[in-house]
Amino acid sequence: GEMARLTGLDAREVQRDRIGLARRYAVQHGVTLVLKGA
């Protein structure tokens, strides 16, 4: 839910490709991202 707010996506879109989204966000913004969940 927090990732959805950070990216402007909805939670279902976040969950659709967690690995790809996390990588793109971390590289783009120069941060380490921990996308929680199972």
PDB file of all heavy atoms in Angstrom:
ATOM      1  N   GLY A   1       0.813  -1.209   0.000  1.00  0.00           N
ATOM      2  CA  GLY A   1       0.000   0.000   0.000  1.00  0.00           C
ATOM      3  C   GLY A   1       0.844   1.256   0.000  1.00  0.00           C
ATOM      4  O   GLY A   1       0.562   2.225  -0.717  1.00  0.00           O
ATOM      5  N   GLU A   2       1.904   1.266   0.806  1.00  0.00           N
ATOM      6  CA  GLU A   2       2.810   2.418   0.841  1.00  0.00           C
ATOM      7  C   GLU A   2       3.578   2.546  -0.479  1.00  0.00           C
ATOM      8  O   GLU A   2       3.809   3.658  -0.958  1.00  0.00           O
ATOM      9  CB  GLU A   2       3.771   2.266   2.017  1.00  0.00           C
ATOM     10  CG  GLU A   2       3.079   2.414   3.363  1.00  0.00           C
ATOM     11  CD  GLU A   2       3.874   1.853   4.522  1.00  0.00           C
ATOM     12  OE1 GLU A   2       4.815   1.068   4.297  1.00  0.00           O
ATOM     13  OE2 GLU A   2       3.536   2.178   5.679  1.00  0.00           O
ATOM     14  N   MET A   3       3.938   1.402  -1.061  1.00  0.00           N
ATOM     15  CA  MET A   3       4.623   1.447  -2.356  1.00  0.00           C
ATOM     16  C   MET A   3       3.703   2.016  -3.427  1.00  0.00           C
ATOM     17  O   MET A   3       4.156   2.756  -4.309  1.00  0.00           O
ATOM     18  CB  MET A   3       5.078   0.038  -2.745  1.00  0.00           C
ATOM     19  CG  MET A   3       5.997   0.007  -3.959  1.00  0.00           C
ATOM     20  SD  MET A   3       7.566   0.838  -3.609  1.00  0.00           S
ATOM     21  CE  MET A   3       8.349   0.759  -5.219  1.00  0.00           C
ATOM     22  N   ALA A   4       2.423   1.686  -3.349  1.00  0.00           N
ATOM     23  CA  ALA A   4       1.465   2.238  -4.304  1.00  0.00           C
ATOM     24  C   ALA A   4       1.416   3.762  -4.197  1.00  0.00           C
ATOM     25  O   ALA A   4       1.383   4.472  -5.209  1.00  0.00           O
ATOM     26  CB  ALA A   4       0.077   1.637  -4.059  1.00  0.00           C
ATOM     27  N   ARG A   5       1.442   4.283  -2.977  1.00  0.00           N
ATOM     28  CA  ARG A   5       1.412   5.730  -2.804  1.00  0.00           C
ATOM     29  C   ARG A   5       2.712   6.375  -3.282  1.00  0.00           C
ATOM     30  O   ARG A   5       2.701   7.477  -3.843  1.00  0.00           O
ATOM     31  CB  ARG A   5       1.142   6.068  -1.333  1.00  0.00           C
ATOM     32  CG  ARG A   5      -0.285   5.733  -0.903  1.00  0.00           C
ATOM     33  CD  ARG A   5      -0.592   6.255   0.482  1.00  0.00           C
ATOM     34  NE  ARG A   5      -0.059   5.416   1.539  1.00  0.00           N
ATOM     35  CZ  ARG A   5      -0.651   4.333   2.026  1.00  0.00           C
ATOM     36  NH1 ARG A   5      -1.789   3.905   1.511  1.00  0.00           N
ATOM     37  NH2 ARG A   5      -0.107   3.634   3.012  1.00  0.00           N
ATOM     38  N   LEU A   6       3.835   5.710  -3.076  1.00  0.00           N
ATOM     39  CA  LEU A   6       5.118   6.257  -3.519  1.00  0.00           C
ATOM     40  C   LEU A   6       5.221   6.324  -5.041  1.00  0.00           C
ATOM     41  O   LEU A   6       5.892   7.198  -5.588  1.00  0.00           O
ATOM     42  CB  LEU A   6       6.267   5.406  -2.973  1.00  0.00           C
ATOM     43  CG  LEU A   6       6.603   5.556  -1.488  1.00  0.00           C
ATOM     44  CD1 LEU A   6       7.561   4.458  -1.048  1.00  0.00           C
ATOM     45  CD2 LEU A   6       7.200   6.927  -1.198  1.00  0.00           C
ATOM     46  N   THR A   7       4.568   5.379  -5.728  1.00  0.00           N
ATOM     47  CA  THR A   7       4.708   5.276  -7.186  1.00  0.00           C
ATOM     48  C   THR A   7       3.514   5.799  -7.953  1.00  0.00           C
ATOM     49  O   THR A   7       3.589   5.946  -9.187  1.00  0.00           O
ATOM     50  CB  THR A   7       4.935   3.809  -7.573  1.00  0.00           C
ATOM     51  OG1 THR A   7       3.824   3.015  -7.092  1.00  0.00           O
ATOM     52  CG2 THR A   7       6.229   3.273  -6.983  1.00  0.00           C
ATOM     53  N   GLY A   8       2.385   6.054  -7.270  1.00  0.00           N
ATOM     54  CA  GLY A   8       1.178   6.466  -7.967  1.00  0.00           C
ATOM     55  C   GLY A   8       0.442   5.321  -8.628  1.00  0.00           C
ATOM     56  O   GLY A   8      -0.497   5.537  -9.402  1.00  0.00           O
ATOM     57  N   LEU A   9       0.841   4.083  -8.328  1.00  0.00           N
ATOM     58  CA  LEU A   9       0.155   2.906  -8.847  1.00  0.00           C
ATOM     59  C   LEU A   9      -0.886   2.455  -7.839  1.00  0.00           C
ATOM     60  O   LEU A   9      -0.956   2.955  -6.713  1.00  0.00           O
ATOM     61  CB  LEU A   9       1.163   1.775  -9.087  1.00  0.00           C
ATOM     62  CG  LEU A   9       2.335   2.090 -10.026  1.00  0.00           C
ATOM     63  CD1 LEU A   9       3.337   0.950 -10.014  1.00  0.00           C
ATOM     64  CD2 LEU A   9       1.835   2.340 -11.447  1.00  0.00           C
ATOM     65  N   ASP A  10      -1.723   1.469  -8.214  1.00  0.00           N
ATOM     66  CA  ASP A  10      -2.556   0.857  -7.198  1.00  0.00           C
ATOM     67  C   ASP A  10      -1.861  -0.413  -6.703  1.00  0.00           C
ATOM     68  O   ASP A  10      -0.904  -0.903  -7.320  1.00  0.00           O
ATOM     69  CB  ASP A  10      -3.982   0.575  -7.695  1.00  0.00           C
ATOM     70  CG  ASP A  10      -4.052  -0.448  -8.815  1.00  0.00           C
ATOM     71  OD1 ASP A  10      -3.348  -1.476  -8.740  1.00  0.00           O
ATOM     72  OD2 ASP A  10      -4.831  -0.233  -9.765  1.00  0.00           O
ATOM     73  N   ALA A  11      -2.315  -0.927  -5.568  1.00  0.00           N
ATOM     74  CA  ALA A  11      -1.624  -2.039  -4.920  1.00  0.00           C
ATOM     75  C   ALA A  11      -1.571  -3.271  -5.809  1.00  0.00           C
ATOM     76  O   ALA A  11      -0.591  -4.034  -5.777  1.00  0.00           O
ATOM     77  CB  ALA A  11      -2.285  -2.365  -3.585  1.00  0.00           C
ATOM     78  N   ARG A  12      -2.592  -3.491  -6.618  1.00  0.00           N
ATOM     79  CA  ARG A  12      -2.583  -4.654  -7.506  1.00  0.00           C
ATOM     80  C   ARG A  12      -1.473  -4.541  -8.543  1.00  0.00           C
ATOM     81  O   ARG A  12      -0.824  -5.540  -8.879  1.00  0.00           O
ATOM     82  CB  ARG A  12      -3.936  -4.803  -8.195  1.00  0.00           C
ATOM     83  CG  ARG A  12      -5.037  -5.336  -7.275  1.00  0.00           C
ATOM     84  CD  ARG A  12      -6.370  -5.332  -7.976  1.00  0.00           C
ATOM     85  NE  ARG A  12      -6.785  -3.969  -8.337  1.00  0.00           N
ATOM     86  CZ  ARG A  12      -7.915  -3.669  -8.954  1.00  0.00           C
ATOM     87  NH1 ARG A  12      -8.747  -4.635  -9.318  1.00  0.00           N
ATOM     88  NH2 ARG A  12      -8.222  -2.414  -9.229  1.00  0.00           N
ATOM     89  N   GLU A  13      -1.243  -3.337  -9.049  1.00  0.00           N
ATOM     90  CA  GLU A  13      -0.150  -3.149 -10.006  1.00  0.00           C
ATOM     91  C   GLU A  13       1.206  -3.364  -9.334  1.00  0.00           C
ATOM     92  O   GLU A  13       2.128  -3.918  -9.939  1.00  0.00           O
ATOM     93  CB  GLU A  13      -0.221  -1.745 -10.602  1.00  0.00           C
ATOM     94  CG  GLU A  13      -1.391  -1.515 -11.538  1.00  0.00           C
ATOM     95  CD  GLU A  13      -1.446  -0.075 -12.013  1.00  0.00           C
ATOM     96  OE1 GLU A  13      -1.747   0.818 -11.195  1.00  0.00           O
ATOM     97  OE2 GLU A  13      -1.188   0.151 -13.206  1.00  0.00           O
ATOM     98  N   VAL A  14       1.327  -2.932  -8.092  1.00  0.00           N
ATOM     99  CA  VAL A  14       2.564  -3.146  -7.347  1.00  0.00           C
ATOM    100  C   VAL A  14       2.851  -4.636  -7.223  1.00  0.00           C
ATOM    101  O   VAL A  14       3.979  -5.103  -7.428  1.00  0.00           O
ATOM    102  CB  VAL A  14       2.472  -2.501  -5.947  1.00  0.00           C
ATOM    103  CG1 VAL A  14       3.627  -2.962  -5.052  1.00  0.00           C
ATOM    104  CG2 VAL A  14       2.470  -0.983  -6.062  1.00  0.00           C
ATOM    105  N   GLN A  15       1.824  -5.413  -6.907  1.00  0.00           N
ATOM    106  CA  GLN A  15       1.996  -6.844  -6.676  1.00  0.00           C
ATOM    107  C   GLN A  15       2.208  -7.624  -7.973  1.00  0.00           C
ATOM    108  O   GLN A  15       2.685  -8.758  -7.934  1.00  0.00           O
ATOM    109  CB  GLN A  15       0.785  -7.399  -5.926  1.00  0.00           C
ATOM    110  CG  GLN A  15       0.604  -6.843  -4.522  1.00  0.00           C
ATOM    111  CD  GLN A  15       1.702  -7.306  -3.578  1.00  0.00           C
ATOM    112  OE1 GLN A  15       2.819  -6.789  -3.592  1.00  0.00           O
ATOM    113  NE2 GLN A  15       1.394  -8.301  -2.770  1.00  0.00           N
ATOM    114  N   ARG A  16       1.858  -7.035  -9.100  1.00  0.00           N
ATOM    115  CA  ARG A  16       1.928  -7.760 -10.369  1.00  0.00           C
ATOM    116  C   ARG A  16       3.368  -8.099 -10.760  1.00  0.00           C
ATOM    117  O   ARG A  16       3.627  -9.143 -11.347  1.00  0.00           O
ATOM    118  CB  ARG A  16       1.263  -6.931 -11.470  1.00  0.00           C
ATOM    119  CG  ARG A  16       1.094  -7.680 -12.798  1.00  0.00           C
ATOM    120  CD  ARG A  16       0.202  -6.922 -13.738  1.00  0.00           C
ATOM    121  NE  ARG A  16      -1.173  -6.899 -13.238  1.00  0.00           N
ATOM    122  CZ  ARG A  16      -1.938  -5.811 -13.164  1.00  0.00           C
ATOM    123  NH1 ARG A  16      -1.454  -4.643 -13.550  1.00  0.00           N
ATOM    124  NH2 ARG A  16      -3.166  -5.886 -12.703  1.00  0.00           N
ATOM    125  N   ASP A  17       4.313  -7.214 -10.446  1.00  0.00           N
ATOM    126  CA  ASP A  17       5.719  -7.473 -10.772  1.00  0.00           C
ATOM    127  C   ASP A  17       6.579  -6.843  -9.698  1.00  0.00           C
ATOM    128  O   ASP A  17       7.217  -5.810  -9.897  1.00  0.00           O
ATOM    129  CB  ASP A  17       6.069  -6.915 -12.153  1.00  0.00           C
ATOM    130  CG  ASP A  17       7.517  -7.208 -12.559  1.00  0.00           C
ATOM    131  OD1 ASP A  17       8.173  -8.012 -11.877  1.00  0.00           O
ATOM    132  OD2 ASP A  17       7.977  -6.620 -13.556  1.00  0.00           O
ATOM    133  N   ARG A  18       6.615  -7.475  -8.531  1.00  0.00           N
ATOM    134  CA  ARG A  18       7.295  -6.901  -7.376  1.00  0.00           C
ATOM    135  C   ARG A  18       8.799  -6.760  -7.622  1.00  0.00           C
ATOM    136  O   ARG A  18       9.416  -5.749  -7.267  1.00  0.00           O
ATOM    137  CB  ARG A  18       7.042  -7.780  -6.149  1.00  0.00           C
ATOM    138  CG  ARG A  18       5.629  -7.688  -5.617  1.00  0.00           C
ATOM    139  CD  ARG A  18       5.288  -8.840  -4.655  1.00  0.00           C
ATOM    140  NE  ARG A  18       6.246  -8.990  -3.590  1.00  0.00           N
ATOM    141  CZ  ARG A  18       6.231  -8.296  -2.449  1.00  0.00           C
ATOM    142  NH1 ARG A  18       5.289  -7.380  -2.254  1.00  0.00           N
ATOM    143  NH2 ARG A  18       7.137  -8.513  -1.510  1.00  0.00           N
ATOM    144  N   ILE A  19       9.392  -7.766  -8.235  1.00  0.00           N
ATOM    145  CA  ILE A  19      10.840  -7.730  -8.460  1.00  0.00           C
ATOM    146  C   ILE A  19      11.206  -6.620  -9.438  1.00  0.00           C
ATOM    147  O   ILE A  19      12.107  -5.811  -9.177  1.00  0.00           O
ATOM    148  CB  ILE A  19      11.330  -9.099  -8.960  1.00  0.00           C
ATOM    149  CG1 ILE A  19      11.197 -10.141  -7.840  1.00  0.00           C
ATOM    150  CG2 ILE A  19      12.776  -9.014  -9.449  1.00  0.00           C
ATOM    151  CD1 ILE A  19      11.497 -11.559  -8.272  1.00  0.00           C
ATOM    152  N   GLY A  20      10.504  -6.560 -10.564  1.00  0.00           N
ATOM    153  CA  GLY A  20      10.807  -5.540 -11.561  1.00  0.00           C
ATOM    154  C   GLY A  20      10.565  -4.138 -11.050  1.00  0.00           C
ATOM    155  O   GLY A  20      11.383  -3.231 -11.277  1.00  0.00           O
ATOM    156  N   LEU A  21       9.467  -3.929 -10.340  1.00  0.00           N
ATOM    157  CA  LEU A  21       9.146  -2.600  -9.821  1.00  0.00           C
ATOM    158  C   LEU A  21      10.160  -2.162  -8.778  1.00  0.00           C
ATOM    159  O   LEU A  21      10.633  -1.013  -8.792  1.00  0.00           O
ATOM    160  CB  LEU A  21       7.735  -2.602  -9.225  1.00  0.00           C
ATOM    161  CG  LEU A  21       7.276  -1.281  -8.599  1.00  0.00           C
ATOM    162  CD1 LEU A  21       7.216  -0.174  -9.642  1.00  0.00           C
ATOM    163  CD2 LEU A  21       5.908  -1.457  -7.925  1.00  0.00           C
ATOM    164  N   ALA A  22      10.510  -3.046  -7.856  1.00  0.00           N
ATOM    165  CA  ALA A  22      11.469  -2.702  -6.806  1.00  0.00           C
ATOM    166  C   ALA A  22      12.809  -2.327  -7.412  1.00  0.00           C
ATOM    167  O   ALA A  22      13.448  -1.347  -7.008  1.00  0.00           O
ATOM    168  CB  ALA A  22      11.623  -3.868  -5.833  1.00  0.00           C
ATOM    169  N   ARG A  23      13.258  -3.102  -8.411  1.00  0.00           N
ATOM    170  CA  ARG A  23      14.547  -2.805  -9.046  1.00  0.00           C
ATOM    171  C   ARG A  23      14.512  -1.444  -9.744  1.00  0.00           C
ATOM    172  O   ARG A  23      15.436  -0.635  -9.588  1.00  0.00           O
ATOM    173  CB  ARG A  23      14.903  -3.912 -10.034  1.00  0.00           C
ATOM    174  CG  ARG A  23      16.168  -3.607 -10.835  1.00  0.00           C
ATOM    175  CD  ARG A  23      16.483  -4.700 -11.830  1.00  0.00           C
ATOM    176  NE  ARG A  23      17.188  -5.803 -11.211  1.00  0.00           N
ATOM    177  CZ  ARG A  23      16.832  -7.071 -11.288  1.00  0.00           C
ATOM    178  NH1 ARG A  23      15.730  -7.417 -11.950  1.00  0.00           N
ATOM    179  NH2 ARG A  23      17.549  -8.006 -10.705  1.00  0.00           N
ATOM    180  N   ARG A  24      13.463  -1.196 -10.509  1.00  0.00           N
ATOM    181  CA  ARG A  24      13.388   0.081 -11.233  1.00  0.00           C
ATOM    182  C   ARG A  24      13.378   1.257 -10.273  1.00  0.00           C
ATOM    183  O   ARG A  24      14.057   2.276 -10.506  1.00  0.00           O
ATOM    184  CB  ARG A  24      12.139   0.106 -12.125  1.00  0.00           C
ATOM    185  CG  ARG A  24      12.203  -0.838 -13.317  1.00  0.00           C
ATOM    186  CD  ARG A  24      11.061  -0.588 -14.273  1.00  0.00           C
ATOM    187  NE  ARG A  24       9.744  -0.856 -13.691  1.00  0.00           N
ATOM    188  CZ  ARG A  24       9.150  -2.043 -13.680  1.00  0.00           C
ATOM    189  NH1 ARG A  24       9.763  -3.108 -14.205  1.00  0.00           N
ATOM    190  NH2 ARG A  24       7.948  -2.185 -13.157  1.00  0.00           N
ATOM    191  N   TYR A  25      12.629   1.149  -9.190  1.00  0.00           N
ATOM    192  CA  TYR A  25      12.523   2.260  -8.236  1.00  0.00           C
ATOM    193  C   TYR A  25      13.865   2.514  -7.558  1.00  0.00           C
ATOM    194  O   TYR A  25      14.309   3.663  -7.419  1.00  0.00           O
ATOM    195  CB  TYR A  25      11.445   1.949  -7.193  1.00  0.00           C
ATOM    196  CG  TYR A  25      11.075   3.127  -6.333  1.00  0.00           C
ATOM    197  CD1 TYR A  25      10.023   3.953  -6.687  1.00  0.00           C
ATOM    198  CD2 TYR A  25      11.779   3.412  -5.172  1.00  0.00           C
ATOM    199  CE1 TYR A  25       9.680   5.047  -5.896  1.00  0.00           C
ATOM    200  CE2 TYR A  25      11.451   4.502  -4.382  1.00  0.00           C
ATOM    201  CZ  TYR A  25      10.395   5.310  -4.747  1.00  0.00           C
ATOM    202  OH  TYR A  25      10.067   6.391  -3.964  1.00  0.00           O
ATOM    203  N   ALA A  26      14.533   1.442  -7.120  1.00  0.00           N
ATOM    204  CA  ALA A  26      15.808   1.593  -6.415  1.00  0.00           C
ATOM    205  C   ALA A  26      16.868   2.214  -7.308  1.00  0.00           C
ATOM    206  O   ALA A  26      17.618   3.110  -6.889  1.00  0.00           O
ATOM    207  CB  ALA A  26      16.269   0.231  -5.897  1.00  0.00           C
ATOM    208  N   VAL A  27      16.945   1.751  -8.546  1.00  0.00           N
ATOM    209  CA  VAL A  27      17.945   2.276  -9.480  1.00  0.00           C
ATOM    210  C   VAL A  27      17.645   3.736  -9.835  1.00  0.00           C
ATOM    211  O   VAL A  27      18.540   4.588  -9.850  1.00  0.00           O
ATOM    212  CB  VAL A  27      18.002   1.404 -10.751  1.00  0.00           C
ATOM    213  CG1 VAL A  27      18.870   2.054 -11.811  1.00  0.00           C
ATOM    214  CG2 VAL A  27      18.518   0.009 -10.419  1.00  0.00           C
ATOM    215  N   GLN A  28      16.381   4.025 -10.097  1.00  0.00           N
ATOM    216  CA  GLN A  28      16.005   5.380 -10.512  1.00  0.00           C
ATOM    217  C   GLN A  28      16.277   6.410  -9.429  1.00  0.00           C
ATOM    218  O   GLN A  28      16.730   7.526  -9.715  1.00  0.00           O
ATOM    219  CB  GLN A  28      14.522   5.416 -10.894  1.00  0.00           C
ATOM    220  CG  GLN A  28      14.030   6.798 -11.311  1.00  0.00           C
ATOM    221  CD  GLN A  28      12.545   6.811 -11.640  1.00  0.00           C
ATOM    222  OE1 GLN A  28      11.900   5.755 -11.719  1.00  0.00           O
ATOM    223  NE2 GLN A  28      11.990   7.988 -11.837  1.00  0.00           N
ATOM    224  N   HIS A  29      16.020   6.043  -8.173  1.00  0.00           N
ATOM    225  CA  HIS A  29      16.088   7.028  -7.096  1.00  0.00           C
ATOM    226  C   HIS A  29      17.339   6.894  -6.232  1.00  0.00           C
ATOM    227  O   HIS A  29      17.509   7.679  -5.282  1.00  0.00           O
ATOM    228  CB  HIS A  29      14.838   6.928  -6.224  1.00  0.00           C
ATOM    229  CG  HIS A  29      13.575   7.246  -6.965  1.00  0.00           C
ATOM    230  ND1 HIS A  29      13.296   8.496  -7.456  1.00  0.00           N
ATOM    231  CD2 HIS A  29      12.520   6.469  -7.324  1.00  0.00           C
ATOM    232  CE1 HIS A  29      12.126   8.490  -8.071  1.00  0.00           C
ATOM    233  NE2 HIS A  29      11.640   7.272  -8.012  1.00  0.00           N
ATOM    234  N   GLY A  30      18.196   5.924  -6.524  1.00  0.00           N
ATOM    235  CA  GLY A  30      19.432   5.793  -5.771  1.00  0.00           C
ATOM    236  C   GLY A  30      19.229   5.398  -4.324  1.00  0.00           C
ATOM    237  O   GLY A  30      19.982   5.834  -3.441  1.00  0.00           O
ATOM    238  N   VAL A  31      18.203   4.581  -4.052  1.00  0.00           N
ATOM    239  CA  VAL A  31      17.911   4.133  -2.698  1.00  0.00           C
ATOM    240  C   VAL A  31      17.908   2.605  -2.665  1.00  0.00           C
ATOM    241  O   VAL A  31      17.842   1.940  -3.699  1.00  0.00           O
ATOM    242  CB  VAL A  31      16.547   4.653  -2.204  1.00  0.00           C
ATOM    243  CG1 VAL A  31      16.531   6.168  -2.179  1.00  0.00           C
ATOM    244  CG2 VAL A  31      15.395   4.105  -3.055  1.00  0.00           C
ATOM    245  N   THR A  32      17.972   2.070  -1.469  1.00  0.00           N
ATOM    246  CA  THR A  32      17.716   0.644  -1.272  1.00  0.00           C
ATOM    247  C   THR A  32      16.252   0.503  -0.886  1.00  0.00           C
ATOM    248  O   THR A  32      15.778   1.188   0.029  1.00  0.00           O
ATOM    249  CB  THR A  32      18.623   0.065  -0.177  1.00  0.00           C
ATOM    250  OG1 THR A  32      19.986   0.179  -0.600  1.00  0.00           O
ATOM    251  CG2 THR A  32      18.300  -1.395   0.083  1.00  0.00           C
ATOM    252  N   LEU A  33      15.538  -0.363  -1.592  1.00  0.00           N
ATOM    253  CA  LEU A  33      14.106  -0.511  -1.377  1.00  0.00           C
ATOM    254  C   LEU A  33      13.809  -1.898  -0.838  1.00  0.00           C
ATOM    255  O   LEU A  33      14.239  -2.903  -1.416  1.00  0.00           O
ATOM    256  CB  LEU A  33      13.330  -0.296  -2.674  1.00  0.00           C
ATOM    257  CG  LEU A  33      11.811  -0.324  -2.462  1.00  0.00           C
ATOM    258  CD1 LEU A  33      11.310   1.054  -2.065  1.00  0.00           C
ATOM    259  CD2 LEU A  33      11.078  -0.825  -3.680  1.00  0.00           C
ATOM    260  N   VAL A  34      13.053  -1.952   0.258  1.00  0.00           N
ATOM    261  CA  VAL A  34      12.577  -3.217   0.824  1.00  0.00           C
ATOM    262  C   VAL A  34      11.072  -3.253   0.631  1.00  0.00           C
ATOM    263  O   VAL A  34      10.324  -2.573   1.345  1.00  0.00           O
ATOM    264  CB  VAL A  34      12.943  -3.322   2.319  1.00  0.00           C
ATOM    265  CG1 VAL A  34      12.357  -4.606   2.922  1.00  0.00           C
ATOM    266  CG2 VAL A  34      14.453  -3.279   2.511  1.00  0.00           C
ATOM    267  N   LEU A  35      10.614  -4.010  -0.366  1.00  0.00           N
ATOM    268  CA  LEU A  35       9.180  -4.147  -0.639  1.00  0.00           C
ATOM    269  C   LEU A  35       8.671  -5.337   0.153  1.00  0.00           C
ATOM    270  O   LEU A  35       8.910  -6.497  -0.203  1.00  0.00           O
ATOM    271  CB  LEU A  35       8.937  -4.319  -2.142  1.00  0.00           C
ATOM    272  CG  LEU A  35       7.477  -4.462  -2.588  1.00  0.00           C
ATOM    273  CD1 LEU A  35       6.611  -3.323  -2.051  1.00  0.00           C
ATOM    274  CD2 LEU A  35       7.399  -4.527  -4.102  1.00  0.00           C
ATOM    275  N   LYS A  36       7.975  -5.042   1.244  1.00  0.00           N
ATOM    276  CA  LYS A  36       7.598  -6.070   2.208  1.00  0.00           C
ATOM    277  C   LYS A  36       6.442  -6.926   1.701  1.00  0.00           C
ATOM    278  O   LYS A  36       5.757  -6.585   0.754  1.00  0.00           O
ATOM    279  CB  LYS A  36       7.248  -5.411   3.544  1.00  0.00           C
ATOM    280  CG  LYS A  36       8.432  -4.700   4.179  1.00  0.00           C
ATOM    281  CD  LYS A  36       8.138  -4.128   5.541  1.00  0.00           C
ATOM    282  CE  LYS A  36       7.219  -2.936   5.516  1.00  0.00           C
ATOM    283  NZ  LYS A  36       7.199  -2.183   6.786  1.00  0.00           N
ATOM    284  N   GLY A  37       6.227  -8.033   2.397  1.00  0.00           N
ATOM    285  CA  GLY A  37       5.174  -8.970   2.036  1.00  0.00           C
ATOM    286  C   GLY A  37       5.736 -10.374   2.000  1.00  0.00           C
ATOM    287  O   GLY A  37       6.900 -10.617   2.336  1.00  0.00           O
ATOM    288  N   ALA A  38       4.905 -11.336   1.612  1.00  0.00           N
ATOM    289  CA  ALA A  38       5.403 -12.699   1.445  1.00  0.00           C
ATOM    290  C   ALA A  38       6.515 -12.688   0.410  1.00  0.00           C
ATOM    291  O   ALA A  38       6.347 -12.126  -0.666  1.00  0.00           O
ATOM    292  CB  ALA A  38       4.271 -13.625   1.007  1.00  0.00           C
TER     293      ALA A  38
END
